[in-house]
Protein backbone atom coordinates (compact mmCIF):
# COMPACT_ATOMS: atom_id res chain seq x y z
CA MET A 1 -0.03 0.05 0.04
CA ARG A 2 2.81 2.40 0.96
CA SER A 3 4.68 1.69 -2.28
CA SER A 4 1.53 2.21 -4.38
CA ARG A 5 0.91 5.60 -2.87
CA LEU A 6 4.58 6.75 -3.43
CA SER A 7 4.56 5.85 -7.15
CA ALA A 8 1.24 7.66 -7.97
CA GLY A 9 1.35 11.10 -9.72
CA PHE A 10 4.29 13.52 -10.08
CA THR A 11 6.54 15.16 -7.60
CA LEU A 12 6.81 18.86 -7.50
CA ILE A 13 10.35 18.64 -8.81
CA GLU A 14 9.22 16.40 -11.76
CA ALA A 15 6.43 18.91 -12.60
CA LEU A 16 8.81 21.91 -12.61
CA VAL A 17 11.36 20.07 -14.78
CA THR A 18 8.47 19.21 -17.26
CA LEU A 19 7.28 22.83 -17.35
CA SER A 20 10.76 24.11 -17.78
CA ILE A 21 11.52 21.87 -20.78
CA PHE A 22 8.11 22.88 -22.30
CA ALA A 23 8.97 26.60 -21.89
CA ILE A 24 12.32 26.12 -23.47
CA LEU A 25 10.91 24.29 -26.44
CA THR A 26 8.17 26.96 -26.88
CA ALA A 27 10.67 29.73 -26.79
CA LEU A 28 12.85 27.96 -29.40
CA GLY A 29 9.89 27.34 -31.68
CA LEU A 30 8.09 30.67 -31.41
CA PRO A 31 10.36 32.62 -33.83
CA ALA A 32 10.03 29.79 -36.40
CA MET A 33 6.26 29.84 -35.99
CA ARG A 34 6.10 33.57 -36.47
CA THR A 35 8.24 33.44 -39.62
CA TRP A 36 6.00 30.58 -41.01
CA LEU A 37 2.90 32.59 -40.35
CA ALA A 38 4.41 35.69 -41.99
CA ASN A 39 5.31 33.61 -45.03
CA ASN A 40 1.90 32.19 -45.28
CA GLN A 41 0.45 35.79 -45.39
CA VAL A 42 2.75 36.71 -48.18
CA ARG A 43 1.75 33.54 -50.07
CA ALA A 44 -2.01 34.34 -49.56
CA VAL A 45 -1.64 37.88 -50.87
CA THR A 46 0.49 36.70 -53.86
CA ASP A 47 -2.01 34.04 -54.75
CA SER A 48 -4.91 36.57 -54.73
CA LEU A 49 -2.92 38.95 -56.95
CA GLN A 50 -1.98 36.12 -59.32
CA ASN A 51 -5.51 34.77 -59.50
CA GLY A 52 -6.88 38.29 -60.26
CA LEU A 53 -4.34 38.93 -63.08
CA ARG A 54 -5.08 35.51 -64.63
CA LEU A 55 -8.77 36.11 -64.44
CA ALA A 56 -8.38 39.53 -66.11
CA GLN A 57 -6.31 37.97 -68.92
CA ALA A 58 -8.72 35.11 -69.42
CA GLU A 59 -11.73 37.50 -69.46
CA SER A 60 -10.14 39.48 -72.27
CA LEU A 61 -9.92 36.25 -74.36
CA ARG A 62 -13.44 35.20 -73.42
CA SER A 63 -15.15 38.41 -74.16
CA SER A 64 -12.93 39.67 -77.00
CA ARG A 65 -12.80 43.01 -75.17
CA GLN A 66 -10.13 45.19 -73.58
CA VAL A 67 -9.94 44.33 -69.85
CA VAL A 68 -8.54 46.55 -67.11
CA PHE A 69 -7.09 45.10 -63.95
CA ALA A 70 -6.88 48.01 -61.39
CA LEU A 71 -5.33 48.16 -58.04
CA THR A 72 -7.33 50.21 -55.55
CA ASN A 73 -7.66 50.89 -51.84
CA SER A 74 -11.44 50.47 -51.83
CA ALA A 75 -13.33 47.16 -52.20
CA ALA A 76 -15.28 47.26 -55.44
CA THR A 77 -18.54 45.47 -56.09
CA ALA A 78 -20.96 45.16 -58.98
CA THR A 79 -22.97 48.07 -57.63
CA SER A 80 -19.99 50.32 -56.69
CA ALA A 81 -20.01 53.68 -58.49
CA LEU A 82 -17.24 54.22 -60.83
CA PRO A 83 -14.32 55.22 -60.76
CA VAL A 84 -12.67 52.76 -58.53
CA SER A 85 -9.79 55.27 -57.87
CA ALA A 86 -6.88 53.03 -59.05
CA ALA A 87 -3.89 53.41 -56.90
CA ALA A 88 -0.38 52.02 -57.12
CA ASN A 89 0.27 49.54 -54.38
CA GLY A 90 -3.48 49.28 -53.58
CA SER A 91 -4.77 46.78 -51.07
CA SER A 92 -7.47 45.48 -53.42
CA TRP A 93 -8.02 44.71 -57.05
CA ALA A 94 -10.99 45.11 -59.47
CA ILE A 95 -11.56 43.89 -63.07
CA TYR A 96 -13.72 45.66 -65.68
CA THR A 97 -14.19 45.04 -69.40
CA LEU A 98 -13.88 48.19 -71.58
CA PRO A 99 -16.37 49.08 -74.34
CA SER A 100 -15.29 48.21 -77.81
CA MET A 101 -17.68 50.75 -79.28
CA THR A 102 -17.05 54.48 -79.11
CA ASP A 103 -20.65 55.62 -79.74
CA GLY A 104 -21.63 55.23 -76.10
CA SER A 105 -23.67 52.07 -76.63
CA GLU A 106 -21.52 50.17 -74.19
CA THR A 107 -20.35 50.82 -70.74
CA PRO A 108 -17.62 49.29 -68.58
CA ASN A 109 -18.72 46.03 -67.08
CA PHE A 110 -17.63 44.79 -63.63
CA ILE A 111 -16.23 41.29 -63.63
CA GLN A 112 -14.79 40.55 -60.21
CA ALA A 113 -12.84 42.20 -57.31
CA GLY A 114 -10.61 40.81 -54.52
CA ILE A 115 -8.71 41.78 -51.41
CA LEU A 116 -4.88 41.67 -51.27
CA SER A 117 -4.17 42.71 -47.77
CA SER A 118 -5.94 44.68 -44.86
CA THR A 119 -4.30 47.52 -43.01
CA ASN A 120 -3.61 45.16 -40.04
CA SER A 121 -1.82 42.41 -42.09
CA GLY A 122 1.31 44.57 -42.93
CA VAL A 123 1.75 42.82 -46.31
CA VAL A 124 3.11 45.35 -48.84
CA VAL A 125 2.33 45.04 -52.59
CA ASN A 126 4.79 47.12 -54.49
CA SER A 127 3.53 47.60 -58.07
CA ASN A 128 6.53 49.74 -59.02
CA GLY A 129 4.21 52.67 -59.65
CA THR A 130 1.65 50.87 -61.81
CA ALA A 131 -2.01 51.35 -60.83
CA ALA A 132 -3.70 49.59 -63.76
CA LEU A 133 -2.89 47.02 -66.40
CA CYS A 134 -4.83 46.51 -69.63
CA PHE A 135 -5.17 43.25 -71.63
CA ASN A 136 -6.36 43.55 -75.29
CA ALA A 137 -8.75 41.16 -76.97
CA VAL A 138 -6.17 38.55 -77.46
CA GLY A 139 -4.90 38.57 -73.94
CA ARG A 140 -1.73 40.75 -74.40
CA LEU A 141 -0.61 43.68 -72.25
CA ILE A 142 -1.15 47.00 -73.94
CA SER A 143 -0.88 50.81 -73.52
CA SER A 144 -4.55 51.51 -73.82
CA SER A 145 -6.15 54.63 -75.30
CA ASN A 146 -9.80 53.41 -74.67
CA ALA A 147 -11.84 56.45 -73.82
CA ALA A 148 -13.67 54.64 -71.07
CA LEU A 149 -10.40 53.70 -69.18
CA THR A 150 -10.33 56.86 -66.95
CA THR A 151 -14.11 56.24 -66.25
CA VAL A 152 -13.00 53.15 -64.47
CA THR A 153 -9.75 54.07 -62.98
CA GLY A 154 -10.38 57.75 -62.16
CA GLY A 155 -7.41 58.90 -64.22
CA ALA A 156 -4.83 56.17 -64.13
CA THR A 157 -3.68 54.93 -67.59
CA CYS A 158 -2.37 51.62 -68.82
CA THR A 159 1.23 51.50 -70.09
CA ALA A 160 2.76 48.35 -71.41
CA PRO A 161 5.94 47.37 -69.52
CA THR A 162 9.32 48.30 -71.13
CA THR A 163 11.63 47.13 -68.38
CA GLY A 164 13.42 43.82 -68.75
CA THR A 165 14.41 41.47 -71.60
CA PRO A 166 11.77 40.62 -72.57
CA PRO A 167 9.77 43.46 -70.81
CA VAL A 168 7.71 42.43 -67.79
CA GLN A 169 5.47 44.04 -65.18
CA ILE A 170 6.70 43.06 -61.72
CA PHE A 171 4.80 43.14 -58.45
CA ASN A 172 6.86 42.66 -55.27
CA ILE A 173 5.05 41.20 -52.17
CA THR A 174 6.78 41.51 -48.81
CA LEU A 175 6.20 41.49 -45.16
CA THR A 176 8.34 42.35 -42.23
CA GLY A 177 9.15 39.06 -40.35
CA ALA A 178 8.85 36.92 -43.53
CA ASP A 179 11.97 35.46 -44.98
CA ARG A 180 10.33 34.52 -48.33
CA PRO A 181 9.29 37.56 -50.36
CA LEU A 182 7.53 36.72 -53.62
CA GLU A 183 7.08 38.33 -56.99
CA VAL A 184 4.33 38.18 -59.67
CA LYS A 185 5.53 38.91 -63.15
CA VAL A 186 3.23 39.68 -66.08
CA ALA A 187 4.79 39.29 -69.56
CA LEU A 188 3.71 41.26 -72.61
CA GLY A 189 2.03 38.21 -73.96
CA GLY A 190 -0.15 38.10 -70.85
CA GLN A 191 1.55 35.17 -69.05
CA VAL A 192 1.42 35.46 -65.27
CA HIS A 193 4.18 33.95 -63.24
CA MET A 194 4.78 33.76 -59.46
CA CYS A 195 8.30 33.37 -58.32
CA ASP A 196 10.76 33.59 -55.41
CA PRO A 197 13.30 36.42 -55.89
CA ASN A 198 15.73 34.68 -53.53
CA ILE A 199 16.06 31.79 -56.05
CA VAL A 200 17.66 32.10 -59.46
CA LEU A 201 15.32 30.71 -62.23
CA SER A 202 16.78 27.52 -63.76
CA ALA A 203 15.63 24.19 -65.08
CA ASN A 204 16.16 22.75 -61.53
CA TYR A 205 14.41 25.69 -59.87
CA PRO A 206 11.31 26.77 -61.79
CA GLU A 207 10.00 28.52 -58.85
CA GLY A 208 12.83 31.12 -59.04
CA CYS A 209 12.91 34.53 -60.59
């Protein structure tokens, strides 16, 4: 009976040792967990941006219309009044088709909108000064002169990229605390590519930039 009572449960010293080991492991793992969460936030924003750009390019092919992809700091909906006030490095995106007729018989048509980051997330989307991209009826990036463009963007224009060989539009996505920034590149032909700027693009590393 005495032996049974002595072997039951933990002693105070055993409990303190267990708690100390748990505290040490938690302290060691916390920075890695924070970095993992930050990287996930960067990836979520990058996915939203990439999906929006691909949708805009696909819609231009489907509708045989010019399509504008605009960054904005306001969440657009089908009933939102135009313009969406396009802004470089905006926290949301919106897609509209542009009229192909110049006689006023067509108006810009809302397609879809999405959120990139909230003010609390801290994720920064650097569009390198670009507020809007335009895809033509065959899905290529263009410098648009469509009269209805400013009706959608509020003054921002679309200019085809000229930097790079071949030229590409680059979006940089970063977050303090993340160790894996990401980029989204849009080629003149309309191809959208997400990549890791810390990795050199090669046959063995297709995820690199």
